[in-house]
Amino acid sequence: MRILIFEDNLIWSERLRKTVMGLGHEAVVITRMKAELPEGDVAILNLGSETLWSAELVAGLKGKGVHLIGHAGHKEKQKLQAGREEGVDQVVSNSTLTFKLDEVLAKVPGQ
């Protein structure tokens, strides 16, 4: 799978990139929004990002058929809820993403 990682936190982006690649997938890190969205099968969105997370991004990726996984801290209940309300396919805590990414990706349709 080609997994898009929308992340402006350098520590998180590198951690996720290494984990995704370690699971045998292609990882593409996006640290700044561009006019055209890249192609991918799955996108991991940081729901706490002030620069990358938006309803427009969700709509654009969903329109391309991308499966969305949003993450935020387990105490950031409003951010997690906002992801659900915007239609993110899976909303998980940061720790779930860190320690159980293989299980999260196993829930992607067609995998």
PDB file of N, CA and C in Angstrom:
ATOM      1  N   MET A   1       0.841  -1.185   0.000  1.00  0.00           N
ATOM      2  CA  MET A   1       0.000   0.000   0.000  1.00  0.00           C
ATOM      3  C   MET A   1       0.879   1.239   0.000  1.00  0.00           C
ATOM      4  N   ARG A   2       0.351   2.271  -0.605  1.00  0.00           N
ATOM      5  CA  ARG A   2       1.009   3.585  -0.563  1.00  0.00           C
ATOM      6  C   ARG A   2       0.294   4.397   0.511  1.00  0.00           C
ATOM      7  N   ILE A   3       1.041   4.741   1.555  1.00  0.00           N
ATOM      8  CA  ILE A   3       0.456   5.421   2.703  1.00  0.00           C
ATOM      9  C   ILE A   3       0.978   6.846   2.770  1.00  0.00           C
ATOM     10  N   LEU A   4       0.046   7.790   2.731  1.00  0.00           N
ATOM     11  CA  LEU A   4       0.363   9.209   2.831  1.00  0.00           C
ATOM     12  C   LEU A   4       0.338   9.591   4.309  1.00  0.00           C
ATOM     13  N   ILE A   5       1.384  10.230   4.769  1.00  0.00           N
ATOM     14  CA  ILE A   5       1.480  10.643   6.166  1.00  0.00           C
ATOM     15  C   ILE A   5       1.469  12.163   6.201  1.00  0.00           C
ATOM     16  N   PHE A   6       0.336  12.732   6.601  1.00  0.00           N
ATOM     17  CA  PHE A   6       0.205  14.183   6.708  1.00  0.00           C
ATOM     18  C   PHE A   6       0.624  14.574   8.115  1.00  0.00           C
ATOM     19  N   GLU A   7       1.841  15.073   8.246  1.00  0.00           N
ATOM     20  CA  GLU A   7       2.408  15.300   9.571  1.00  0.00           C
ATOM     21  C   GLU A   7       3.400  16.457   9.536  1.00  0.00           C
ATOM     22  N   ASP A   8       3.196  17.456  10.379  1.00  0.00           N
ATOM     23  CA  ASP A   8       4.129  18.581  10.466  1.00  0.00           C
ATOM     24  C   ASP A   8       5.040  18.487  11.682  1.00  0.00           C
ATOM     25  N   ASN A   9       4.895  17.436  12.471  1.00  0.00           N
ATOM     26  CA  ASN A   9       5.770  17.187  13.600  1.00  0.00           C
ATOM     27  C   ASN A   9       6.883  16.260  13.114  1.00  0.00           C
ATOM     28  N   LEU A  10       8.110  16.753  13.118  1.00  0.00           N
ATOM     29  CA  LEU A  10       9.220  15.987  12.548  1.00  0.00           C
ATOM     30  C   LEU A  10       9.472  14.665  13.258  1.00  0.00           C
ATOM     31  N   ILE A  11       9.285  14.628  14.556  1.00  0.00           N
ATOM     32  CA  ILE A  11       9.497  13.380  15.298  1.00  0.00           C
ATOM     33  C   ILE A  11       8.439  12.352  14.910  1.00  0.00           C
ATOM     34  N   TRP A  12       7.171  12.784  14.892  1.00  0.00           N
ATOM     35  CA  TRP A  12       6.089  11.871  14.509  1.00  0.00           C
ATOM     36  C   TRP A  12       6.240  11.414  13.061  1.00  0.00           C
ATOM     37  N   SER A  13       6.567  12.339  12.171  1.00  0.00           N
ATOM     38  CA  SER A  13       6.648  11.969  10.754  1.00  0.00           C
ATOM     39  C   SER A  13       7.707  10.899  10.521  1.00  0.00           C
ATOM     40  N   GLU A  14       8.842  11.045  11.162  1.00  0.00           N
ATOM     41  CA  GLU A  14       9.901  10.056  10.989  1.00  0.00           C
ATOM     42  C   GLU A  14       9.529   8.724  11.641  1.00  0.00           C
ATOM     43  N   ARG A  15       8.929   8.781  12.809  1.00  0.00           N
ATOM     44  CA  ARG A  15       8.500   7.554  13.490  1.00  0.00           C
ATOM     45  C   ARG A  15       7.488   6.797  12.632  1.00  0.00           C
ATOM     46  N   LEU A  16       6.499   7.516  12.114  1.00  0.00           N
ATOM     47  CA  LEU A  16       5.471   6.870  11.285  1.00  0.00           C
ATOM     48  C   LEU A  16       6.052   6.345   9.979  1.00  0.00           C
ATOM     49  N   ARG A  17       6.938   7.131   9.363  1.00  0.00           N
ATOM     50  CA  ARG A  17       7.557   6.695   8.104  1.00  0.00           C
ATOM     51  C   ARG A  17       8.306   5.376   8.307  1.00  0.00           C
ATOM     52  N   LYS A  18       9.090   5.297   9.359  1.00  0.00           N
ATOM     53  CA  LYS A  18       9.859   4.072   9.625  1.00  0.00           C
ATOM     54  C   LYS A  18       8.942   2.894   9.930  1.00  0.00           C
ATOM     55  N   THR A  19       7.896   3.133  10.693  1.00  0.00           N
ATOM     56  CA  THR A  19       6.965   2.061  11.044  1.00  0.00           C
ATOM     57  C   THR A  19       6.242   1.548   9.802  1.00  0.00           C
ATOM     58  N   VAL A  20       5.754   2.466   8.981  1.00  0.00           N
ATOM     59  CA  VAL A  20       5.050   2.086   7.745  1.00  0.00           C
ATOM     60  C   VAL A  20       5.969   1.278   6.842  1.00  0.00           C
ATOM     61  N   MET A  21       7.196   1.742   6.667  1.00  0.00           N
ATOM     62  CA  MET A  21       8.140   1.024   5.810  1.00  0.00           C
ATOM     63  C   MET A  21       8.499  -0.334   6.417  1.00  0.00           C
ATOM     64  N   GLY A  22       8.613  -0.391   7.731  1.00  0.00           N
ATOM     65  CA  GLY A  22       8.907  -1.651   8.401  1.00  0.00           C
ATOM     66  C   GLY A  22       7.809  -2.685   8.231  1.00  0.00           C
ATOM     67  N   LEU A  23       6.587  -2.197   7.985  1.00  0.00           N
ATOM     68  CA  LEU A  23       5.455  -3.099   7.741  1.00  0.00           C
ATOM     69  C   LEU A  23       5.334  -3.477   6.263  1.00  0.00           C
ATOM     70  N   GLY A  24       6.285  -2.993   5.454  1.00  0.00           N
ATOM     71  CA  GLY A  24       6.323  -3.367   4.044  1.00  0.00           C
ATOM     72  C   GLY A  24       5.521  -2.483   3.110  1.00  0.00           C
ATOM     73  N   HIS A  25       5.177  -1.276   3.551  1.00  0.00           N
ATOM     74  CA  HIS A  25       4.399  -0.363   2.723  1.00  0.00           C
ATOM     75  C   HIS A  25       5.252   0.814   2.278  1.00  0.00           C
ATOM     76  N   GLU A  26       4.803   1.485   1.239  1.00  0.00           N
ATOM     77  CA  GLU A  26       5.451   2.714   0.791  1.00  0.00           C
ATOM     78  C   GLU A  26       4.941   3.872   1.652  1.00  0.00           C
ATOM     79  N   ALA A  27       5.849   4.700   2.131  1.00  0.00           N
ATOM     80  CA  ALA A  27       5.476   5.835   2.973  1.00  0.00           C
ATOM     81  C   ALA A  27       5.822   7.138   2.262  1.00  0.00           C
ATOM     82  N   VAL A  28       4.850   8.047   2.200  1.00  0.00           N
ATOM     83  CA  VAL A  28       5.062   9.369   1.627  1.00  0.00           C
ATOM     84  C   VAL A  28       4.683  10.391   2.693  1.00  0.00           C
ATOM     85  N   VAL A  29       5.664  11.156   3.154  1.00  0.00           N
ATOM     86  CA  VAL A  29       5.423  12.150   4.200  1.00  0.00           C
ATOM     87  C   VAL A  29       5.118  13.493   3.549  1.00  0.00           C
ATOM     88  N   ILE A  30       4.012  14.095   3.961  1.00  0.00           N
ATOM     89  CA  ILE A  30       3.611  15.420   3.489  1.00  0.00           C
ATOM     90  C   ILE A  30       3.677  16.350   4.693  1.00  0.00           C
ATOM     91  N   THR A  31       4.569  17.332   4.635  1.00  0.00           N
ATOM     92  CA  THR A  31       4.735  18.252   5.753  1.00  0.00           C
ATOM     93  C   THR A  31       4.106  19.621   5.485  1.00  0.00           C
ATOM     94  N   ARG A  32       3.786  19.883   4.219  1.00  0.00           N
ATOM     95  CA  ARG A  32       3.149  21.147   3.831  1.00  0.00           C
ATOM     96  C   ARG A  32       2.117  20.871   2.757  1.00  0.00           C
ATOM     97  N   MET A  33       0.997  21.568   2.863  1.00  0.00           N
ATOM     98  CA  MET A  33      -0.071  21.385   1.883  1.00  0.00           C
ATOM     99  C   MET A  33       0.324  21.990   0.547  1.00  0.00           C
ATOM    100  N   LYS A  34      -0.038  21.284  -0.507  1.00  0.00           N
ATOM    101  CA  LYS A  34       0.186  21.762  -1.870  1.00  0.00           C
ATOM    102  C   LYS A  34      -1.162  21.782  -2.563  1.00  0.00           C
ATOM    103  N   ALA A  35      -1.224  22.423  -3.691  1.00  0.00           N
ATOM    104  CA  ALA A  35      -2.486  22.562  -4.413  1.00  0.00           C
ATOM    105  C   ALA A  35      -3.068  21.212  -4.811  1.00  0.00           C
ATOM    106  N   GLU A  36      -2.212  20.295  -5.226  1.00  0.00           N
ATOM    107  CA  GLU A  36      -2.692  18.990  -5.669  1.00  0.00           C
ATOM    108  C   GLU A  36      -2.352  17.919  -4.642  1.00  0.00           C
ATOM    109  N   LEU A  37      -3.343  17.106  -4.318  1.00  0.00           N
ATOM    110  CA  LEU A  37      -3.134  16.025  -3.355  1.00  0.00           C
ATOM    111  C   LEU A  37      -2.412  14.862  -4.016  1.00  0.00           C
ATOM    112  N   PRO A  38      -1.475  14.240  -3.315  1.00  0.00           N
ATOM    113  CA  PRO A  38      -0.788  13.075  -3.875  1.00  0.00           C
ATOM    114  C   PRO A  38      -1.718  11.866  -3.918  1.00  0.00           C
ATOM    115  N   GLU A  39      -1.340  10.895  -4.719  1.00  0.00           N
ATOM    116  CA  GLU A  39      -2.098   9.656  -4.825  1.00  0.00           C
ATOM    117  C   GLU A  39      -1.653   8.703  -3.722  1.00  0.00           C
ATOM    118  N   GLY A  40      -2.617   7.976  -3.177  1.00  0.00           N
ATOM    119  CA  GLY A  40      -2.299   6.994  -2.156  1.00  0.00           C
ATOM    120  C   GLY A  40      -3.494   6.113  -1.866  1.00  0.00           C
ATOM    121  N   ASP A  41      -3.256   5.053  -1.126  1.00  0.00           N
ATOM    122  CA  ASP A  41      -4.318   4.132  -0.724  1.00  0.00           C
ATOM    123  C   ASP A  41      -4.885   4.495   0.638  1.00  0.00           C
ATOM    124  N   VAL A  42      -3.998   4.969   1.519  1.00  0.00           N
ATOM    125  CA  VAL A  42      -4.343   5.297   2.901  1.00  0.00           C
ATOM    126  C   VAL A  42      -3.669   6.619   3.235  1.00  0.00           C
ATOM    127  N   ALA A  43      -4.328   7.420   4.069  1.00  0.00           N
ATOM    128  CA  ALA A  43      -3.702   8.644   4.580  1.00  0.00           C
ATOM    129  C   ALA A  43      -3.803   8.641   6.096  1.00  0.00           C
ATOM    130  N   ILE A  44      -2.694   8.964   6.735  1.00  0.00           N
ATOM    131  CA  ILE A  44      -2.668   9.126   8.182  1.00  0.00           C
ATOM    132  C   ILE A  44      -2.645  10.628   8.450  1.00  0.00           C
ATOM    133  N   LEU A  45      -3.645  11.088   9.191  1.00  0.00           N
ATOM    134  CA  LEU A  45      -3.811  12.518   9.447  1.00  0.00           C
ATOM    135  C   LEU A  45      -3.630  12.823  10.930  1.00  0.00           C
ATOM    136  N   ASN A  46      -2.822  13.814  11.239  1.00  0.00           N
ATOM    137  CA  ASN A  46      -2.666  14.275  12.612  1.00  0.00           C
ATOM    138  C   ASN A  46      -3.805  15.245  12.889  1.00  0.00           C
ATOM    139  N   LEU A  47      -4.784  14.829  13.657  1.00  0.00           N
ATOM    140  CA  LEU A  47      -5.957  15.645  13.940  1.00  0.00           C
ATOM    141  C   LEU A  47      -5.616  16.869  14.782  1.00  0.00           C
ATOM    142  N   GLY A  48      -4.444  16.894  15.366  1.00  0.00           N
ATOM    143  CA  GLY A  48      -4.021  18.025  16.169  1.00  0.00           C
ATOM    144  C   GLY A  48      -3.222  19.059  15.399  1.00  0.00           C
ATOM    145  N   SER A  49      -2.944  18.791  14.130  1.00  0.00           N
ATOM    146  CA  SER A  49      -2.143  19.712  13.331  1.00  0.00           C
ATOM    147  C   SER A  49      -2.931  20.976  13.002  1.00  0.00           C
ATOM    148  N   GLU A  50      -2.299  22.110  13.195  1.00  0.00           N
ATOM    149  CA  GLU A  50      -2.926  23.389  12.860  1.00  0.00           C
ATOM    150  C   GLU A  50      -2.756  23.715  11.380  1.00  0.00           C
ATOM    151  N   THR A  51      -1.813  23.052  10.700  1.00  0.00           N
ATOM    152  CA  THR A  51      -1.523  23.399   9.305  1.00  0.00           C
ATOM    153  C   THR A  51      -1.964  22.343   8.286  1.00  0.00           C
ATOM    154  N   LEU A  52      -2.131  21.111   8.712  1.00  0.00           N
ATOM    155  CA  LEU A  52      -2.432  20.050   7.749  1.00  0.00           C
ATOM    156  C   LEU A  52      -3.831  19.460   7.870  1.00  0.00           C
ATOM    157  N   TRP A  53      -4.436  19.538   8.991  1.00  0.00           N
ATOM    158  CA  TRP A  53      -5.737  18.916   9.211  1.00  0.00           C
ATOM    159  C   TRP A  53      -6.836  19.912   8.865  1.00  0.00           C
ATOM    160  N   SER A  54      -7.762  19.494   7.991  1.00  0.00           N
ATOM    161  CA  SER A  54      -8.908  20.343   7.668  1.00  0.00           C
ATOM    162  C   SER A  54     -10.010  19.491   7.044  1.00  0.00           C
ATOM    163  N   ALA A  55     -11.223  20.017   7.106  1.00  0.00           N
ATOM    164  CA  ALA A  55     -12.361  19.342   6.475  1.00  0.00           C
ATOM    165  C   ALA A  55     -12.140  19.248   4.964  1.00  0.00           C
ATOM    166  N   GLU A  56     -11.500  20.247   4.384  1.00  0.00           N
ATOM    167  CA  GLU A  56     -11.232  20.244   2.941  1.00  0.00           C
ATOM    168  C   GLU A  56     -10.275  19.117   2.558  1.00  0.00           C
ATOM    169  N   LEU A  57      -9.271  18.889   3.394  1.00  0.00           N
ATOM    170  CA  LEU A  57      -8.337  17.796   3.139  1.00  0.00           C
ATOM    171  C   LEU A  57      -9.065  16.467   3.190  1.00  0.00           C
ATOM    172  N   VAL A  58      -9.890  16.284   4.207  1.00  0.00           N
ATOM    173  CA  VAL A  58     -10.656  15.043   4.339  1.00  0.00           C
ATOM    174  C   VAL A  58     -11.527  14.838   3.104  1.00  0.00           C
ATOM    175  N   ALA A  59     -12.254  15.858   2.694  1.00  0.00           N
ATOM    176  CA  ALA A  59     -13.133  15.744   1.524  1.00  0.00           C
ATOM    177  C   ALA A  59     -12.336  15.431   0.256  1.00  0.00           C
ATOM    178  N   GLY A  60     -11.208  16.091   0.088  1.00  0.00           N
ATOM    179  CA  GLY A  60     -10.389  15.854  -1.094  1.00  0.00           C
ATOM    180  C   GLY A  60      -9.851  14.438  -1.160  1.00  0.00           C
ATOM    181  N   LEU A  61      -9.364  13.937  -0.035  1.00  0.00           N
ATOM    182  CA  LEU A  61      -8.832  12.575  -0.004  1.00  0.00           C
ATOM    183  C   LEU A  61      -9.943  11.543  -0.166  1.00  0.00           C
ATOM    184  N   LYS A  62     -11.072  11.766   0.506  1.00  0.00           N
ATOM    185  CA  LYS A  62     -12.210  10.836   0.371  1.00  0.00           C
ATOM    186  C   LYS A  62     -12.682  10.794  -1.078  1.00  0.00           C
ATOM    187  N   GLY A  63     -12.664  11.958  -1.743  1.00  0.00           N
ATOM    188  CA  GLY A  63     -13.058  12.024  -3.147  1.00  0.00           C
ATOM    189  C   GLY A  63     -12.153  11.211  -4.051  1.00  0.00           C
ATOM    190  N   LYS A  64     -10.936  10.962  -3.618  1.00  0.00           N
ATOM    191  CA  LYS A  64      -9.981  10.142  -4.374  1.00  0.00           C
ATOM    192  C   LYS A  64     -10.028   8.677  -3.945  1.00  0.00           C
ATOM    193  N   GLY A  65     -10.928   8.360  -2.998  1.00  0.00           N
ATOM    194  CA  GLY A  65     -11.053   6.980  -2.548  1.00  0.00           C
ATOM    195  C   GLY A  65      -9.997   6.550  -1.548  1.00  0.00           C
ATOM    196  N   VAL A  66      -9.364   7.497  -0.888  1.00  0.00           N
ATOM    197  CA  VAL A  66      -8.315   7.190   0.090  1.00  0.00           C
ATOM    198  C   VAL A  66      -8.960   6.854   1.434  1.00  0.00           C
ATOM    199  N   HIS A  67      -8.494   5.801   2.071  1.00  0.00           N
ATOM    200  CA  HIS A  67      -8.951   5.416   3.412  1.00  0.00           C
ATOM    201  C   HIS A  67      -8.219   6.303   4.410  1.00  0.00           C
ATOM    202  N   LEU A  68      -8.953   6.946   5.320  1.00  0.00           N
ATOM    203  CA  LEU A  68      -8.355   7.910   6.235  1.00  0.00           C
ATOM    204  C   LEU A  68      -8.246   7.365   7.657  1.00  0.00           C
ATOM    205  N   ILE A  69      -7.069   7.571   8.235  1.00  0.00           N
ATOM    206  CA  ILE A  69      -6.815   7.231   9.625  1.00  0.00           C
ATOM    207  C   ILE A  69      -6.378   8.525  10.316  1.00  0.00           C
ATOM    208  N   GLY A  70      -7.170   8.968  11.287  1.00  0.00           N
ATOM    209  CA  GLY A  70      -6.832  10.173  12.034  1.00  0.00           C
ATOM    210  C   GLY A  70      -6.337   9.812  13.418  1.00  0.00           C
ATOM    211  N   HIS A  71      -5.405  10.613  13.939  1.00  0.00           N
ATOM    212  CA  HIS A  71      -4.895  10.335  15.283  1.00  0.00           C
ATOM    213  C   HIS A  71      -4.709  11.619  16.078  1.00  0.00           C
ATOM    214  N   ALA A  72      -4.837  11.489  17.380  1.00  0.00           N
ATOM    215  CA  ALA A  72      -4.591  12.566  18.340  1.00  0.00           C
ATOM    216  C   ALA A  72      -4.354  11.913  19.693  1.00  0.00           C
ATOM    217  N   GLY A  73      -3.935  12.703  20.642  1.00  0.00           N
ATOM    218  CA  GLY A  73      -3.707  12.193  21.989  1.00  0.00           C
ATOM    219  C   GLY A  73      -4.995  11.660  22.598  1.00  0.00           C
ATOM    220  N   HIS A  74      -4.895  10.646  23.444  1.00  0.00           N
ATOM    221  CA  HIS A  74      -6.098  10.031  24.016  1.00  0.00           C
ATOM    222  C   HIS A  74      -6.911  11.004  24.860  1.00  0.00           C
ATOM    223  N   LYS A  75      -6.293  12.058  25.359  1.00  0.00           N
ATOM    224  CA  LYS A  75      -7.021  13.066  26.133  1.00  0.00           C
ATOM    225  C   LYS A  75      -7.591  14.181  25.261  1.00  0.00           C
ATOM    226  N   GLU A  76      -7.233  14.188  23.984  1.00  0.00           N
ATOM    227  CA  GLU A  76      -7.719  15.222  23.062  1.00  0.00           C
ATOM    228  C   GLU A  76      -9.065  14.796  22.455  1.00  0.00           C
ATOM    229  N   LYS A  77     -10.023  14.611  23.319  1.00  0.00           N
ATOM    230  CA  LYS A  77     -11.325  14.064  22.928  1.00  0.00           C
ATOM    231  C   LYS A  77     -12.019  14.912  21.863  1.00  0.00           C
ATOM    232  N   GLN A  78     -11.903  16.243  21.935  1.00  0.00           N
ATOM    233  CA  GLN A  78     -12.550  17.108  20.941  1.00  0.00           C
ATOM    234  C   GLN A  78     -11.943  16.903  19.558  1.00  0.00           C
ATOM    235  N   LYS A  79     -10.643  16.725  19.495  1.00  0.00           N
ATOM    236  CA  LYS A  79      -9.987  16.505  18.204  1.00  0.00           C
ATOM    237  C   LYS A  79     -10.361  15.144  17.631  1.00  0.00           C
ATOM    238  N   LEU A  80     -10.401  14.144  18.488  1.00  0.00           N
ATOM    239  CA  LEU A  80     -10.809  12.815  18.034  1.00  0.00           C
ATOM    240  C   LEU A  80     -12.250  12.844  17.533  1.00  0.00           C
ATOM    241  N   GLN A  81     -13.125  13.534  18.247  1.00  0.00           N
ATOM    242  CA  GLN A  81     -14.525  13.654  17.833  1.00  0.00           C
ATOM    243  C   GLN A  81     -14.649  14.428  16.526  1.00  0.00           C
ATOM    244  N   ALA A  82     -13.858  15.480  16.368  1.00  0.00           N
ATOM    245  CA  ALA A  82     -13.896  16.269  15.127  1.00  0.00           C
ATOM    246  C   ALA A  82     -13.538  15.385  13.935  1.00  0.00           C
ATOM    247  N   GLY A  83     -12.571  14.511  14.101  1.00  0.00           N
ATOM    248  CA  GLY A  83     -12.208  13.591  13.023  1.00  0.00           C
ATOM    249  C   GLY A  83     -13.368  12.688  12.646  1.00  0.00           C
ATOM    250  N   ARG A  84     -14.043  12.159  13.650  1.00  0.00           N
ATOM    251  CA  ARG A  84     -15.207  11.295  13.384  1.00  0.00           C
ATOM    252  C   ARG A  84     -16.290  12.081  12.648  1.00  0.00           C
ATOM    253  N   GLU A  85     -16.552  13.283  13.123  1.00  0.00           N
ATOM    254  CA  GLU A  85     -17.614  14.098  12.524  1.00  0.00           C
ATOM    255  C   GLU A  85     -17.313  14.481  11.085  1.00  0.00           C
ATOM    256  N   GLU A  86     -16.042  14.629  10.747  1.00  0.00           N
ATOM    257  CA  GLU A  86     -15.667  14.994   9.378  1.00  0.00           C
ATOM    258  C   GLU A  86     -15.638  13.779   8.441  1.00  0.00           C
ATOM    259  N   GLY A  87     -15.782  12.584   8.998  1.00  0.00           N
ATOM    260  CA  GLY A  87     -15.845  11.397   8.152  1.00  0.00           C
ATOM    261  C   GLY A  87     -14.561  10.613   8.021  1.00  0.00           C
ATOM    262  N   VAL A  88     -13.615  10.841   8.939  1.00  0.00           N
ATOM    263  CA  VAL A  88     -12.386  10.049   8.933  1.00  0.00           C
ATOM    264  C   VAL A  88     -12.774   8.596   9.212  1.00  0.00           C
ATOM    265  N   ASP A  89     -12.255   7.675   8.411  1.00  0.00           N
ATOM    266  CA  ASP A  89     -12.655   6.269   8.501  1.00  0.00           C
ATOM    267  C   ASP A  89     -12.301   5.609   9.828  1.00  0.00           C
ATOM    268  N   GLN A  90     -11.102   5.867  10.316  1.00  0.00           N
ATOM    269  CA  GLN A  90     -10.667   5.318  11.601  1.00  0.00           C
ATOM    270  C   GLN A  90     -10.044   6.452  12.406  1.00  0.00           C
ATOM    271  N   VAL A  91     -10.454   6.589  13.640  1.00  0.00           N
ATOM    272  CA  VAL A  91      -9.890   7.592  14.536  1.00  0.00           C
ATOM    273  C   VAL A  91      -9.287   6.848  15.717  1.00  0.00           C
ATOM    274  N   VAL A  92      -7.982   7.055  15.928  1.00  0.00           N
ATOM    275  CA  VAL A  92      -7.270   6.324  16.964  1.00  0.00           C
ATOM    276  C   VAL A  92      -6.400   7.267  17.789  1.00  0.00           C
ATOM    277  N   SER A  93      -5.996   6.791  18.946  1.00  0.00           N
ATOM    278  CA  SER A  93      -5.088   7.572  19.783  1.00  0.00           C
ATOM    279  C   SER A  93      -3.667   7.462  19.233  1.00  0.00           C
ATOM    280  N   ASN A  94      -2.833   8.399  19.647  1.00  0.00           N
ATOM    281  CA  ASN A  94      -1.429   8.355  19.232  1.00  0.00           C
ATOM    282  C   ASN A  94      -0.767   7.049  19.650  1.00  0.00           C
ATOM    283  N   SER A  95      -1.079   6.568  20.845  1.00  0.00           N
ATOM    284  CA  SER A  95      -0.441   5.331  21.307  1.00  0.00           C
ATOM    285  C   SER A  95      -0.886   4.129  20.480  1.00  0.00           C
ATOM    286  N   THR A  96      -2.142   4.107  20.076  1.00  0.00           N
ATOM    287  CA  THR A  96      -2.608   3.022  19.213  1.00  0.00           C
ATOM    288  C   THR A  96      -1.858   3.062  17.884  1.00  0.00           C
ATOM    289  N   LEU A  97      -1.702   4.245  17.335  1.00  0.00           N
ATOM    290  CA  LEU A  97      -0.982   4.384  16.070  1.00  0.00           C
ATOM    291  C   LEU A  97       0.471   3.937  16.224  1.00  0.00           C
ATOM    292  N   THR A  98       1.069   4.270  17.351  1.00  0.00           N
ATOM    293  CA  THR A  98       2.469   3.929  17.601  1.00  0.00           C
ATOM    294  C   THR A  98       2.686   2.433  17.790  1.00  0.00           C
ATOM    295  N   PHE A  99       1.837   1.817  18.601  1.00  0.00           N
ATOM    296  CA  PHE A  99       2.093   0.436  18.991  1.00  0.00           C
ATOM    297  C   PHE A  99       1.268  -0.611  18.243  1.00  0.00           C
ATOM    298  N   LYS A 100       0.215  -0.189  17.526  1.00  0.00           N
ATOM    299  CA  LYS A 100      -0.658  -1.156  16.873  1.00  0.00           C
ATOM    300  C   LYS A 100      -0.991  -0.757  15.439  1.00  0.00           C
ATOM    301  N   LEU A 101      -0.053  -0.088  14.763  1.00  0.00           N
ATOM    302  CA  LEU A 101      -0.327   0.352  13.397  1.00  0.00           C
ATOM    303  C   LEU A 101      -0.656  -0.827  12.484  1.00  0.00           C
ATOM    304  N   ASP A 102      -0.027  -1.961  12.696  1.00  0.00           N
ATOM    305  CA  ASP A 102      -0.323  -3.136  11.879  1.00  0.00           C
ATOM    306  C   ASP A 102      -1.790  -3.539  12.008  1.00  0.00           C
ATOM    307  N   GLU A 103      -2.339  -3.472  13.232  1.00  0.00           N
ATOM    308  CA  GLU A 103      -3.744  -3.811  13.451  1.00  0.00           C
ATOM    309  C   GLU A 103      -4.669  -2.761  12.833  1.00  0.00           C
ATOM    310  N   VAL A 104      -4.283  -1.499  12.917  1.00  0.00           N
ATOM    311  CA  VAL A 104      -5.075  -0.419  12.317  1.00  0.00           C
ATOM    312  C   VAL A 104      -5.119  -0.604  10.806  1.00  0.00           C
ATOM    313  N   LEU A 105      -3.982  -0.871  10.198  1.00  0.00           N
ATOM    314  CA  LEU A 105      -3.932  -1.059   8.741  1.00  0.00           C
ATOM    315  C   LEU A 105      -4.662  -2.326   8.302  1.00  0.00           C
ATOM    316  N   ALA A 106      -4.732  -3.318   9.159  1.00  0.00           N
ATOM    317  CA  ALA A 106      -5.457  -4.557   8.817  1.00  0.00           C
ATOM    318  C   ALA A 106      -6.948  -4.287   8.649  1.00  0.00           C
ATOM    319  N   LYS A 107      -7.448  -3.179   9.192  1.00  0.00           N
ATOM    320  CA  LYS A 107      -8.868  -2.836   9.084  1.00  0.00           C
ATOM    321  C   LYS A 107      -9.198  -2.042   7.807  1.00  0.00           C
ATOM    322  N   VAL A 108      -8.178  -1.742   7.014  1.00  0.00           N
ATOM    323  CA  VAL A 108      -8.409  -1.043   5.756  1.00  0.00           C
ATOM    324  C   VAL A 108      -9.086  -2.010   4.799  1.00  0.00           C
ATOM    325  N   PRO A 109     -10.223  -1.610   4.215  1.00  0.00           N
ATOM    326  CA  PRO A 109     -10.910  -2.509   3.282  1.00  0.00           C
ATOM    327  C   PRO A 109      -9.988  -2.993   2.158  1.00  0.00           C
ATOM    328  N   GLY A 110     -10.079  -4.255   1.862  1.00  0.00           N
ATOM    329  CA  GLY A 110      -9.272  -4.850   0.801  1.00  0.00           C
ATOM    330  C   GLY A 110      -7.901  -5.323   1.240  1.00  0.00           C
ATOM    331  N   GLN A 111      -7.608  -5.218   2.538  1.00  0.00           N
ATOM    332  CA  GLN A 111      -6.282  -5.629   3.023  1.00  0.00           C
ATOM    333  C   GLN A 111      -6.350  -6.954   3.727  1.00  0.00           C
TER     334      GLN A 111
END
